Amino acid sequence: METLRFDVFGRQVLITASNNGWVTFYLGAEGKKRSAPDIVIPPDIQKSEIAQYLDDLCHEWATEQHPSVKQLD
């Protein structure tokens, strides 16, 4: 199972490939994760398109300190 980590405008997000598409989680400071039901990635989005999709979906979260989406892995 493939797992990707992103910094989405300052929020740590873990995205895991599943049989039904992509599953998203928020990562806590202690490494704990919780479901991210507000970030739904359609199953037809390719791995190479996820960062741009997250930017389009969550751009309201942008701040001066966190102006972009960055893949961490």
Protein backbone atom coordinates (compact mmCIF):
# COMPACT_ATOMS: atom_id res chain seq x y z
CA MET A 1 0.00 0.00 0.00
CA GLU A 2 1.45 3.34 -1.06
CA THR A 3 1.54 6.23 1.42
CA LEU A 4 2.29 9.90 0.71
CA ARG A 5 2.83 12.75 3.18
CA PHE A 6 2.07 16.38 2.42
CA ASP A 7 2.27 19.71 4.16
CA VAL A 8 -1.02 21.28 3.07
CA PHE A 9 -0.70 24.95 3.96
CA GLY A 10 0.80 24.04 7.35
CA ARG A 11 -1.33 20.97 8.05
CA GLN A 12 0.31 17.55 7.90
CA VAL A 13 -1.74 15.17 5.72
CA LEU A 14 -1.16 11.47 5.08
CA ILE A 15 -2.65 9.96 1.93
CA THR A 16 -2.83 6.22 1.47
CA ALA A 17 -3.75 4.29 -1.66
CA SER A 18 -6.50 1.72 -1.13
CA ASN A 19 -8.47 -0.61 -3.36
CA ASN A 20 -11.17 2.07 -3.65
CA GLY A 21 -8.89 5.06 -4.31
CA TRP A 22 -7.27 7.40 -1.81
CA VAL A 23 -7.79 7.62 1.97
CA THR A 24 -6.76 10.80 3.80
CA PHE A 25 -5.65 11.42 7.38
CA TYR A 26 -4.41 14.35 9.45
CA LEU A 27 -1.12 13.69 11.27
CA GLY A 28 -0.72 14.91 14.83
CA ALA A 29 2.47 16.11 16.48
CA GLU A 30 2.93 12.75 18.25
CA GLY A 31 2.57 10.81 14.98
CA LYS A 32 -1.05 9.89 15.64
CA LYS A 33 -3.41 10.09 12.72
CA ARG A 34 -7.11 10.80 12.41
CA SER A 35 -9.45 10.66 9.47
CA ALA A 36 -9.63 13.74 7.23
CA PRO A 37 -13.22 13.52 5.93
CA ASP A 38 -13.04 17.06 4.52
CA ILE A 39 -10.28 16.04 2.10
CA VAL A 40 -11.77 13.65 -0.42
CA ILE A 41 -9.56 12.70 -3.35
CA PRO A 42 -11.38 11.08 -6.29
CA PRO A 43 -10.06 7.63 -7.20
CA ASP A 44 -9.20 8.72 -10.75
CA ILE A 45 -6.65 11.32 -9.52
CA GLN A 46 -3.15 10.08 -10.31
CA LYS A 47 -0.33 10.18 -7.74
CA SER A 48 1.45 12.90 -9.73
CA GLU A 49 -1.69 15.10 -9.60
CA ILE A 50 -2.38 14.92 -5.85
CA ALA A 51 -0.33 17.99 -4.81
CA GLN A 52 -2.12 20.20 -7.35
CA TYR A 53 -5.49 18.73 -6.36
CA LEU A 54 -4.78 19.49 -2.67
CA ASP A 55 -3.75 23.04 -3.60
CA ASP A 56 -6.99 23.57 -5.55
CA LEU A 57 -9.15 22.01 -2.83
CA CYS A 58 -7.58 23.64 0.25
CA HIS A 59 -6.28 26.99 -1.04
CA GLU A 60 -8.39 28.83 1.58
CA TRP A 61 -5.95 27.52 4.22
CA ALA A 62 -3.02 29.46 2.70
CA THR A 63 -1.24 31.98 4.92
CA GLU A 64 1.95 34.03 4.62
CA GLN A 65 3.77 31.41 6.69
CA HIS A 66 2.29 28.49 4.71
CA PRO A 67 1.66 29.63 1.13
CA SER A 68 1.77 26.26 -0.64
CA VAL A 69 1.34 22.49 -0.65
CA LYS A 70 4.57 20.49 -0.34
CA GLN A 71 5.11 16.77 -0.66
CA LEU A 72 7.19 15.59 2.29
CA ASP A 73 8.18 12.12 1.07
